Amino acid sequence: MVAGISLLFHFLPALEPRRQGLERSQGLHLWSWAALLIVGVAVELAVISVALQWPVHGTSFIIGGIGLMFAMIGNQLGKSRSMYLIGIRTPWTLASEEVWIKTHRLAGKLMVASGMLMLVAAFLPLPSGLVATLMLGVIAAAVVIPGGYSFLLWRSEPRGNQPGG
């Protein structure tokens, strides 16, 4: 898994049609790569914790790793520029650099907050159903809100900035 992720992120710049956006978003590219590798480590720790019967439940490592991934990626989202392969790629963010920037700034804040919530919840003695509901809620918020926000921003732009407008 680690080798596959590393190969993908290594060759990603060659696949990106908006190279300028990727060059201006190196932090997002590198931190996304590192965050996904950390999730791989969290999965390995979960397997080891179950095998060695550690007092920490294996899912805590996975939920904590995903939370850390969200926080790391979210921290870089607001600094990213328009590209096709990384980021929130709605038709509206791809159509307007201004919509991209504002959407990613909001999404970054939501993802950092979501990630911190998941990281804390991973190691609290909460019922698994509550943790699952919390995870689904914060992930949905971090995905749905920026998508809707990008549409509203795009709609509020002068028609001359929109394709076909």
N, C-alpha and C. Protein backbone atom coordinates (compact mmCIF):
# COMPACT_ATOMS: atom_id res chain seq x y z
N MET A 1 0.83 -1.19 0.00
CA MET A 1 0.00 0.00 0.00
C MET A 1 0.88 1.26 0.00
N VAL A 2 1.90 1.26 0.86
CA VAL A 2 2.80 2.41 0.95
C VAL A 2 3.52 2.63 -0.38
N ALA A 3 3.99 1.56 -0.97
CA ALA A 3 4.69 1.67 -2.26
C ALA A 3 3.77 2.21 -3.34
N GLY A 4 2.53 1.74 -3.38
CA GLY A 4 1.57 2.21 -4.38
C GLY A 4 1.26 3.69 -4.22
N ILE A 5 1.03 4.12 -2.97
CA ILE A 5 0.75 5.54 -2.71
C ILE A 5 1.96 6.39 -3.10
N SER A 6 3.15 5.92 -2.75
CA SER A 6 4.36 6.68 -3.07
C SER A 6 4.57 6.79 -4.57
N LEU A 7 4.34 5.71 -5.30
CA LEU A 7 4.46 5.77 -6.76
C LEU A 7 3.45 6.73 -7.36
N LEU A 8 2.22 6.65 -6.88
CA LEU A 8 1.17 7.54 -7.38
C LEU A 8 1.55 9.01 -7.16
N PHE A 9 1.95 9.36 -5.94
CA PHE A 9 2.28 10.75 -5.65
C PHE A 9 3.58 11.18 -6.33
N HIS A 10 4.47 10.25 -6.58
CA HIS A 10 5.71 10.59 -7.30
C HIS A 10 5.40 10.99 -8.74
N PHE A 11 4.50 10.25 -9.39
CA PHE A 11 4.20 10.51 -10.80
C PHE A 11 3.05 11.48 -11.00
N LEU A 12 2.38 11.88 -9.93
CA LEU A 12 1.25 12.81 -10.04
C LEU A 12 1.58 14.10 -10.79
N PRO A 13 2.73 14.73 -10.54
CA PRO A 13 3.03 15.97 -11.27
C PRO A 13 3.06 15.79 -12.79
N ALA A 14 3.46 14.62 -13.26
CA ALA A 14 3.51 14.39 -14.71
C ALA A 14 2.10 14.26 -15.30
N LEU A 15 1.12 13.91 -14.47
CA LEU A 15 -0.26 13.73 -14.94
C LEU A 15 -1.10 15.00 -14.85
N GLU A 16 -0.64 15.97 -14.09
CA GLU A 16 -1.43 17.17 -13.81
C GLU A 16 -1.43 18.14 -14.99
N PRO A 17 -2.63 18.41 -15.58
CA PRO A 17 -2.69 19.36 -16.70
C PRO A 17 -2.46 20.82 -16.26
N ARG A 18 -2.80 21.14 -15.03
CA ARG A 18 -2.60 22.51 -14.52
C ARG A 18 -1.34 22.53 -13.66
N ARG A 19 -0.22 22.41 -14.32
CA ARG A 19 1.06 22.29 -13.60
C ARG A 19 1.37 23.50 -12.73
N GLN A 20 0.96 24.69 -13.19
CA GLN A 20 1.21 25.90 -12.39
C GLN A 20 0.50 25.80 -11.04
N GLY A 21 -0.71 25.31 -11.05
CA GLY A 21 -1.46 25.15 -9.81
C GLY A 21 -0.77 24.17 -8.87
N LEU A 22 -0.27 23.07 -9.42
CA LEU A 22 0.43 22.08 -8.60
C LEU A 22 1.75 22.64 -8.08
N GLU A 23 2.46 23.38 -8.92
CA GLU A 23 3.73 23.97 -8.47
C GLU A 23 3.50 24.96 -7.33
N ARG A 24 2.38 25.69 -7.37
CA ARG A 24 2.06 26.64 -6.31
C ARG A 24 1.43 25.96 -5.11
N SER A 25 1.17 24.67 -5.21
CA SER A 25 0.52 23.91 -4.14
C SER A 25 1.36 22.74 -3.68
N GLN A 26 2.67 22.90 -3.71
CA GLN A 26 3.56 21.80 -3.32
C GLN A 26 3.30 21.32 -1.89
N GLY A 27 2.95 22.24 -1.01
CA GLY A 27 2.66 21.86 0.37
C GLY A 27 1.51 20.87 0.45
N LEU A 28 0.44 21.14 -0.30
CA LEU A 28 -0.71 20.23 -0.30
C LEU A 28 -0.31 18.88 -0.87
N HIS A 29 0.46 18.88 -1.95
CA HIS A 29 0.91 17.64 -2.57
C HIS A 29 1.72 16.82 -1.58
N LEU A 30 2.71 17.42 -0.95
CA LEU A 30 3.59 16.69 -0.03
C LEU A 30 2.89 16.28 1.26
N TRP A 31 2.08 17.18 1.83
CA TRP A 31 1.39 16.84 3.07
C TRP A 31 0.31 15.80 2.84
N SER A 32 -0.34 15.79 1.67
CA SER A 32 -1.32 14.74 1.36
C SER A 32 -0.62 13.40 1.28
N TRP A 33 0.52 13.38 0.64
CA TRP A 33 1.33 12.17 0.52
C TRP A 33 1.69 11.66 1.91
N ALA A 34 2.23 12.53 2.74
CA ALA A 34 2.64 12.15 4.10
C ALA A 34 1.43 11.69 4.93
N ALA A 35 0.31 12.39 4.79
CA ALA A 35 -0.89 12.04 5.56
C ALA A 35 -1.40 10.65 5.20
N LEU A 36 -1.39 10.32 3.92
CA LEU A 36 -1.83 8.98 3.52
C LEU A 36 -0.87 7.91 4.02
N LEU A 37 0.41 8.21 4.06
CA LEU A 37 1.37 7.26 4.62
C LEU A 37 1.14 7.08 6.12
N ILE A 38 0.76 8.14 6.81
CA ILE A 38 0.46 8.04 8.24
C ILE A 38 -0.76 7.16 8.47
N VAL A 39 -1.75 7.25 7.59
CA VAL A 39 -2.91 6.36 7.72
C VAL A 39 -2.46 4.91 7.57
N GLY A 40 -1.52 4.66 6.66
CA GLY A 40 -0.97 3.30 6.52
C GLY A 40 -0.30 2.83 7.81
N VAL A 41 0.44 3.72 8.45
CA VAL A 41 1.07 3.39 9.74
C VAL A 41 -0.01 3.11 10.79
N ALA A 42 -1.07 3.91 10.80
CA ALA A 42 -2.16 3.71 11.76
C ALA A 42 -2.82 2.35 11.57
N VAL A 43 -3.00 1.94 10.33
CA VAL A 43 -3.58 0.62 10.06
C VAL A 43 -2.64 -0.47 10.58
N GLU A 44 -1.36 -0.32 10.34
CA GLU A 44 -0.39 -1.30 10.85
C GLU A 44 -0.41 -1.35 12.38
N LEU A 45 -0.48 -0.20 13.03
CA LEU A 45 -0.57 -0.17 14.49
C LEU A 45 -1.84 -0.85 14.98
N ALA A 46 -2.93 -0.67 14.25
CA ALA A 46 -4.19 -1.32 14.63
C ALA A 46 -4.05 -2.84 14.57
N VAL A 47 -3.42 -3.35 13.52
CA VAL A 47 -3.21 -4.80 13.39
C VAL A 47 -2.32 -5.31 14.52
N ILE A 48 -1.26 -4.59 14.80
CA ILE A 48 -0.33 -4.99 15.86
C ILE A 48 -1.02 -4.95 17.22
N SER A 49 -1.83 -3.90 17.44
CA SER A 49 -2.50 -3.77 18.74
C SER A 49 -3.46 -4.92 19.00
N VAL A 50 -4.13 -5.39 17.97
CA VAL A 50 -5.03 -6.53 18.13
C VAL A 50 -4.23 -7.81 18.33
N ALA A 51 -3.18 -7.98 17.55
CA ALA A 51 -2.36 -9.19 17.65
C ALA A 51 -1.69 -9.32 19.02
N LEU A 52 -1.23 -8.19 19.55
CA LEU A 52 -0.52 -8.22 20.83
C LEU A 52 -1.44 -7.90 22.02
N GLN A 53 -2.70 -7.74 21.73
CA GLN A 53 -3.73 -7.48 22.75
C GLN A 53 -3.39 -6.26 23.61
N TRP A 54 -3.02 -5.17 22.95
CA TRP A 54 -2.76 -3.93 23.65
C TRP A 54 -4.07 -3.43 24.28
N PRO A 55 -4.00 -2.62 25.32
CA PRO A 55 -5.23 -2.10 25.93
C PRO A 55 -5.96 -1.07 25.06
N VAL A 56 -5.26 -0.51 24.09
CA VAL A 56 -5.90 0.45 23.16
C VAL A 56 -6.50 -0.34 22.01
N HIS A 57 -7.77 -0.11 21.72
CA HIS A 57 -8.44 -0.84 20.64
C HIS A 57 -7.87 -0.43 19.28
N GLY A 58 -7.79 -1.37 18.38
CA GLY A 58 -7.22 -1.12 17.06
C GLY A 58 -7.91 -0.03 16.27
N THR A 59 -9.23 0.07 16.41
CA THR A 59 -9.95 1.11 15.65
C THR A 59 -9.56 2.51 16.10
N SER A 60 -9.10 2.65 17.34
CA SER A 60 -8.66 3.97 17.81
C SER A 60 -7.49 4.48 16.97
N PHE A 61 -6.59 3.58 16.60
CA PHE A 61 -5.46 3.98 15.77
C PHE A 61 -5.94 4.42 14.38
N ILE A 62 -6.87 3.67 13.83
CA ILE A 62 -7.36 3.99 12.48
C ILE A 62 -8.12 5.31 12.49
N ILE A 63 -9.04 5.50 13.44
CA ILE A 63 -9.80 6.75 13.52
C ILE A 63 -8.85 7.92 13.80
N GLY A 64 -7.90 7.72 14.70
CA GLY A 64 -6.92 8.77 14.99
C GLY A 64 -6.07 9.09 13.77
N GLY A 65 -5.66 8.07 13.02
CA GLY A 65 -4.87 8.29 11.80
C GLY A 65 -5.65 9.06 10.74
N ILE A 66 -6.92 8.71 10.60
CA ILE A 66 -7.76 9.43 9.63
C ILE A 66 -7.95 10.88 10.09
N GLY A 67 -8.14 11.07 11.39
CA GLY A 67 -8.26 12.44 11.92
C GLY A 67 -7.01 13.25 11.68
N LEU A 68 -5.85 12.63 11.91
CA LEU A 68 -4.59 13.32 11.66
C LEU A 68 -4.42 13.64 10.17
N MET A 69 -4.84 12.71 9.31
CA MET A 69 -4.79 12.95 7.87
C MET A 69 -5.65 14.16 7.50
N PHE A 70 -6.88 14.21 8.02
CA PHE A 70 -7.76 15.34 7.74
C PHE A 70 -7.12 16.66 8.17
N ALA A 71 -6.56 16.67 9.38
CA ALA A 71 -5.95 17.91 9.90
C ALA A 71 -4.75 18.33 9.04
N MET A 72 -3.91 17.37 8.65
CA MET A 72 -2.73 17.70 7.84
C MET A 72 -3.11 18.23 6.47
N ILE A 73 -4.05 17.56 5.82
CA ILE A 73 -4.47 18.00 4.48
C ILE A 73 -5.23 19.33 4.59
N GLY A 74 -6.11 19.44 5.58
CA GLY A 74 -6.88 20.67 5.77
C GLY A 74 -5.99 21.88 6.00
N ASN A 75 -4.88 21.67 6.70
CA ASN A 75 -3.95 22.76 6.97
C ASN A 75 -3.36 23.32 5.69
N GLN A 76 -3.26 22.53 4.65
CA GLN A 76 -2.66 22.98 3.39
C GLN A 76 -3.70 23.39 2.34
N LEU A 77 -4.95 22.99 2.51
CA LEU A 77 -5.97 23.27 1.49
C LEU A 77 -6.12 24.75 1.17
N GLY A 78 -6.15 25.58 2.19
CA GLY A 78 -6.36 27.02 1.98
C GLY A 78 -5.25 27.69 1.21
N LYS A 79 -4.10 27.03 1.12
CA LYS A 79 -2.95 27.60 0.41
C LYS A 79 -2.83 27.06 -1.01
N SER A 80 -3.73 26.17 -1.40
CA SER A 80 -3.61 25.52 -2.71
C SER A 80 -4.19 26.38 -3.82
N ARG A 81 -3.79 26.06 -5.03
CA ARG A 81 -4.31 26.72 -6.22
C ARG A 81 -4.92 25.67 -7.14
N SER A 82 -5.70 26.15 -8.08
CA SER A 82 -6.51 25.28 -8.93
C SER A 82 -5.69 24.23 -9.67
N MET A 83 -6.14 22.98 -9.53
CA MET A 83 -5.54 21.86 -10.25
C MET A 83 -6.58 20.75 -10.35
N TYR A 84 -6.32 19.78 -11.20
CA TYR A 84 -7.30 18.72 -11.44
C TYR A 84 -7.15 17.51 -10.54
N LEU A 85 -5.97 17.23 -10.03
CA LEU A 85 -5.75 15.94 -9.37
C LEU A 85 -5.82 15.98 -7.85
N ILE A 86 -5.67 17.13 -7.22
CA ILE A 86 -5.73 17.22 -5.76
C ILE A 86 -6.62 18.41 -5.41
N GLY A 87 -7.50 18.23 -4.44
CA GLY A 87 -8.33 19.32 -3.97
C GLY A 87 -9.80 19.04 -4.17
N ILE A 88 -10.60 20.05 -3.93
CA ILE A 88 -12.06 19.95 -4.10
C ILE A 88 -12.35 20.37 -5.53
N ARG A 89 -12.62 19.40 -6.36
CA ARG A 89 -12.73 19.63 -7.79
C ARG A 89 -14.18 19.60 -8.25
N THR A 90 -14.94 20.60 -7.83
CA THR A 90 -16.29 20.72 -8.34
C THR A 90 -16.20 21.49 -9.67
N PRO A 91 -17.23 21.45 -10.48
CA PRO A 91 -17.18 22.24 -11.72
C PRO A 91 -16.98 23.73 -11.43
N TRP A 92 -17.45 24.18 -10.28
CA TRP A 92 -17.40 25.60 -9.95
C TRP A 92 -16.01 26.01 -9.47
N THR A 93 -15.31 25.14 -8.73
CA THR A 93 -13.95 25.50 -8.30
C THR A 93 -12.99 25.45 -9.48
N LEU A 94 -13.24 24.55 -10.41
CA LEU A 94 -12.38 24.45 -11.59
C LEU A 94 -12.63 25.58 -12.58
N ALA A 95 -13.82 26.18 -12.53
CA ALA A 95 -14.17 27.25 -13.46
C ALA A 95 -13.63 28.61 -13.01
N SER A 96 -13.34 28.77 -11.72
CA SER A 96 -12.95 30.09 -11.22
C SER A 96 -11.87 29.95 -10.16
N GLU A 97 -10.77 30.64 -10.34
CA GLU A 97 -9.68 30.62 -9.36
C GLU A 97 -10.14 31.22 -8.03
N GLU A 98 -10.95 32.26 -8.09
CA GLU A 98 -11.46 32.89 -6.87
C GLU A 98 -12.36 31.94 -6.08
N VAL A 99 -13.22 31.21 -6.77
CA VAL A 99 -14.07 30.22 -6.11
C VAL A 99 -13.21 29.11 -5.51
N TRP A 100 -12.17 28.69 -6.25
CA TRP A 100 -11.25 27.66 -5.74
C TRP A 100 -10.65 28.11 -4.40
N ILE A 101 -10.10 29.32 -4.39
CA ILE A 101 -9.40 29.82 -3.21
C ILE A 101 -10.35 29.91 -2.01
N LYS A 102 -11.50 30.54 -2.19
CA LYS A 102 -12.44 30.71 -1.07
C LYS A 102 -12.98 29.37 -0.59
N THR A 103 -13.29 28.47 -1.51
CA THR A 103 -13.81 27.16 -1.13
C THR A 103 -12.76 26.37 -0.35
N HIS A 104 -11.53 26.41 -0.81
CA HIS A 104 -10.47 25.65 -0.14
C HIS A 104 -10.08 26.25 1.21
N ARG A 105 -10.23 27.54 1.35
CA ARG A 105 -9.97 28.14 2.67
C ARG A 105 -11.02 27.66 3.67
N LEU A 106 -12.29 27.64 3.28
CA LEU A 106 -13.33 27.12 4.16
C LEU A 106 -13.13 25.63 4.41
N ALA A 107 -12.89 24.88 3.35
CA ALA A 107 -12.72 23.43 3.49
C ALA A 107 -11.53 23.10 4.39
N GLY A 108 -10.47 23.87 4.27
CA GLY A 108 -9.30 23.64 5.12
C GLY A 108 -9.64 23.78 6.59
N LYS A 109 -10.37 24.84 6.93
CA LYS A 109 -10.77 25.05 8.33
C LYS A 109 -11.67 23.92 8.81
N LEU A 110 -12.63 23.52 7.97
CA LEU A 110 -13.53 22.43 8.34
C LEU A 110 -12.77 21.10 8.50
N MET A 111 -11.83 20.86 7.62
CA MET A 111 -11.08 19.60 7.70
C MET A 111 -10.17 19.56 8.93
N VAL A 112 -9.55 20.68 9.27
CA VAL A 112 -8.70 20.70 10.48
C VAL A 112 -9.58 20.46 11.70
N ALA A 113 -10.73 21.15 11.78
CA ALA A 113 -11.64 20.96 12.91
C ALA A 113 -12.15 19.52 12.96
N SER A 114 -12.53 18.98 11.82
CA SER A 114 -13.01 17.59 11.75
C SER A 114 -11.92 16.62 12.17
N GLY A 115 -10.73 16.85 11.69
CA GLY A 115 -9.61 15.97 12.03
C GLY A 115 -9.30 15.99 13.51
N MET A 116 -9.33 17.18 14.11
CA MET A 116 -9.06 17.28 15.55
C MET A 116 -10.15 16.56 16.35
N LEU A 117 -11.42 16.73 15.93
CA LEU A 117 -12.51 16.03 16.59
C LEU A 117 -12.33 14.51 16.52
N MET A 118 -11.97 14.01 15.34
CA MET A 118 -11.76 12.57 15.18
C MET A 118 -10.59 12.09 16.01
N LEU A 119 -9.52 12.87 16.03
CA LEU A 119 -8.33 12.49 16.78
C LEU A 119 -8.64 12.39 18.28
N VAL A 120 -9.38 13.35 18.80
CA VAL A 120 -9.75 13.31 20.21
C VAL A 120 -10.73 12.17 20.48
N ALA A 121 -11.74 12.03 19.62
CA ALA A 121 -12.75 10.99 19.81
C ALA A 121 -12.16 9.59 19.73
N ALA A 122 -11.09 9.43 18.97
CA ALA A 122 -10.49 8.11 18.79
C ALA A 122 -10.02 7.51 20.11
N PHE A 123 -9.61 8.34 21.02
CA PHE A 123 -9.03 7.82 22.26
C PHE A 123 -9.88 8.11 23.50
N LEU A 124 -11.11 8.59 23.29
CA LEU A 124 -12.04 8.75 24.40
C LEU A 124 -12.84 7.46 24.58
N PRO A 125 -13.25 7.16 25.79
CA PRO A 125 -14.04 5.94 26.00
C PRO A 125 -15.50 6.15 25.59
N LEU A 126 -15.73 6.27 24.30
CA LEU A 126 -17.07 6.47 23.76
C LEU A 126 -17.58 5.18 23.14
N PRO A 127 -18.91 4.99 23.13
CA PRO A 127 -19.46 3.81 22.45
C PRO A 127 -19.12 3.86 20.95
N SER A 128 -18.86 2.71 20.38
CA SER A 128 -18.44 2.66 18.97
C SER A 128 -19.48 3.25 18.04
N GLY A 129 -20.75 3.10 18.35
CA GLY A 129 -21.80 3.69 17.51
C GLY A 129 -21.73 5.20 17.50
N LEU A 130 -21.42 5.80 18.65
CA LEU A 130 -21.30 7.25 18.73
C LEU A 130 -20.07 7.73 17.95
N VAL A 131 -18.97 7.00 18.05
CA VAL A 131 -17.76 7.37 17.31
C VAL A 131 -18.02 7.28 15.81
N ALA A 132 -18.71 6.23 15.38
CA ALA A 132 -19.02 6.08 13.95
C ALA A 132 -19.92 7.21 13.47
N THR A 133 -20.92 7.55 14.26
CA THR A 133 -21.82 8.65 13.89
C THR A 133 -21.07 9.97 13.83
N LEU A 134 -20.20 10.20 14.81
CA LEU A 134 -19.39 11.41 14.81
C LEU A 134 -18.51 11.48 13.57
N MET A 135 -17.85 10.37 13.24
CA MET A 135 -16.98 10.35 12.05
C MET A 135 -17.77 10.65 10.79
N LEU A 136 -18.90 9.98 10.63
CA LEU A 136 -19.71 10.23 9.43
C LEU A 136 -20.17 11.67 9.36
N GLY A 137 -20.56 12.23 10.51
CA GLY A 137 -21.04 13.61 10.54
C GLY A 137 -19.96 14.61 10.17
N VAL A 138 -18.78 14.45 10.75
CA VAL A 138 -17.72 15.44 10.46
C VAL A 138 -17.18 15.27 9.05
N ILE A 139 -17.11 14.05 8.57
CA ILE A 139 -16.66 13.84 7.18
C ILE A 139 -17.69 14.43 6.21
N ALA A 140 -18.98 14.18 6.48
CA ALA A 140 -20.02 14.75 5.62
C ALA A 140 -19.97 16.27 5.62
N ALA A 141 -19.78 16.86 6.79
CA ALA A 141 -19.70 18.32 6.88
C ALA A 141 -18.50 18.85 6.11
N ALA A 142 -17.37 18.16 6.22
CA ALA A 142 -16.14 18.62 5.55
C ALA A 142 -16.24 18.46 4.03
N VAL A 143 -17.15 17.63 3.55
CA VAL A 143 -17.30 17.40 2.11
C VAL A 143 -18.48 18.19 1.53
N VAL A 144 -19.64 18.08 2.17
CA VAL A 144 -20.86 18.68 1.62
C VAL A 144 -20.85 20.20 1.71
N ILE A 145 -20.45 20.75 2.84
CA ILE A 145 -20.48 22.20 3.02
C ILE A 145 -19.60 22.92 1.99
N PRO A 146 -18.33 22.51 1.80
CA PRO A 146 -17.53 23.19 0.78
C PRO A 146 -18.09 23.03 -0.64
N GLY A 147 -18.68 21.88 -0.94
CA GLY A 147 -19.27 21.69 -2.27
C GLY A 147 -20.41 22.66 -2.52
N GLY A 148 -21.31 22.78 -1.55
CA GLY A 148 -22.42 23.73 -1.68
C GLY A 148 -21.93 25.17 -1.70
N TYR A 149 -20.93 25.45 -0.87
CA TYR A 149 -20.35 26.79 -0.81
C TYR A 149 -19.73 27.18 -2.14
N SER A 150 -19.05 26.24 -2.80
CA SER A 150 -18.43 26.55 -4.09
C SER A 150 -19.50 26.90 -5.13
N PHE A 151 -20.63 26.22 -5.08
CA PHE A 151 -21.72 26.52 -6.01
C PHE A 151 -22.27 27.92 -5.74
N LEU A 152 -22.50 28.24 -4.46
CA LEU A 152 -23.03 29.56 -4.12
C LEU A 152 -22.07 30.68 -4.51
N LEU A 153 -20.79 30.47 -4.29
CA LEU A 153 -19.80 31.47 -4.70
C LEU A 153 -19.81 31.66 -6.21
N TRP A 154 -19.84 30.56 -6.94
CA TRP A 154 -19.83 30.62 -8.40
C TRP A 154 -21.06 31.36 -8.91
N ARG A 155 -22.22 31.07 -8.29
CA ARG A 155 -23.47 31.72 -8.72
C ARG A 155 -23.44 33.23 -8.45
N SER A 156 -22.69 33.65 -7.42
CA SER A 156 -22.66 35.07 -7.07
C SER A 156 -21.63 35.85 -7.90
N GLU A 157 -20.80 35.16 -8.67
CA GLU A 157 -19.83 35.85 -9.53
C GLU A 157 -20.54 36.51 -10.71
N PRO A 158 -19.98 37.60 -11.20
CA PRO A 158 -20.54 38.22 -12.41
C PRO A 158 -20.56 37.20 -13.56
N ARG A 159 -21.55 37.24 -14.38
CA ARG A 159 -21.74 36.25 -15.45
C ARG A 159 -20.57 36.19 -16.42
N GLY A 160 -19.83 37.27 -16.57
CA GLY A 160 -18.70 37.27 -17.49
C GLY A 160 -17.59 36.33 -17.07
N ASN A 161 -17.51 35.97 -15.77
CA ASN A 161 -16.49 35.09 -15.26
C ASN A 161 -16.85 33.61 -15.37
N GLN A 162 -18.08 33.34 -15.75
CA GLN A 162 -18.54 31.95 -15.80
C GLN A 162 -18.48 31.44 -17.23
N PRO A 163 -18.13 30.17 -17.39
CA PRO A 163 -18.10 29.60 -18.74
C PRO A 163 -19.49 29.69 -19.38
N GLY A 164 -19.52 30.11 -20.61
CA GLY A 164 -20.78 30.21 -21.34
C GLY A 164 -21.61 31.41 -20.91
N GLY A 165 -21.05 32.30 -20.08
CA GLY A 165 -21.81 33.43 -19.53
C GLY A 165 -21.54 34.66 -20.21
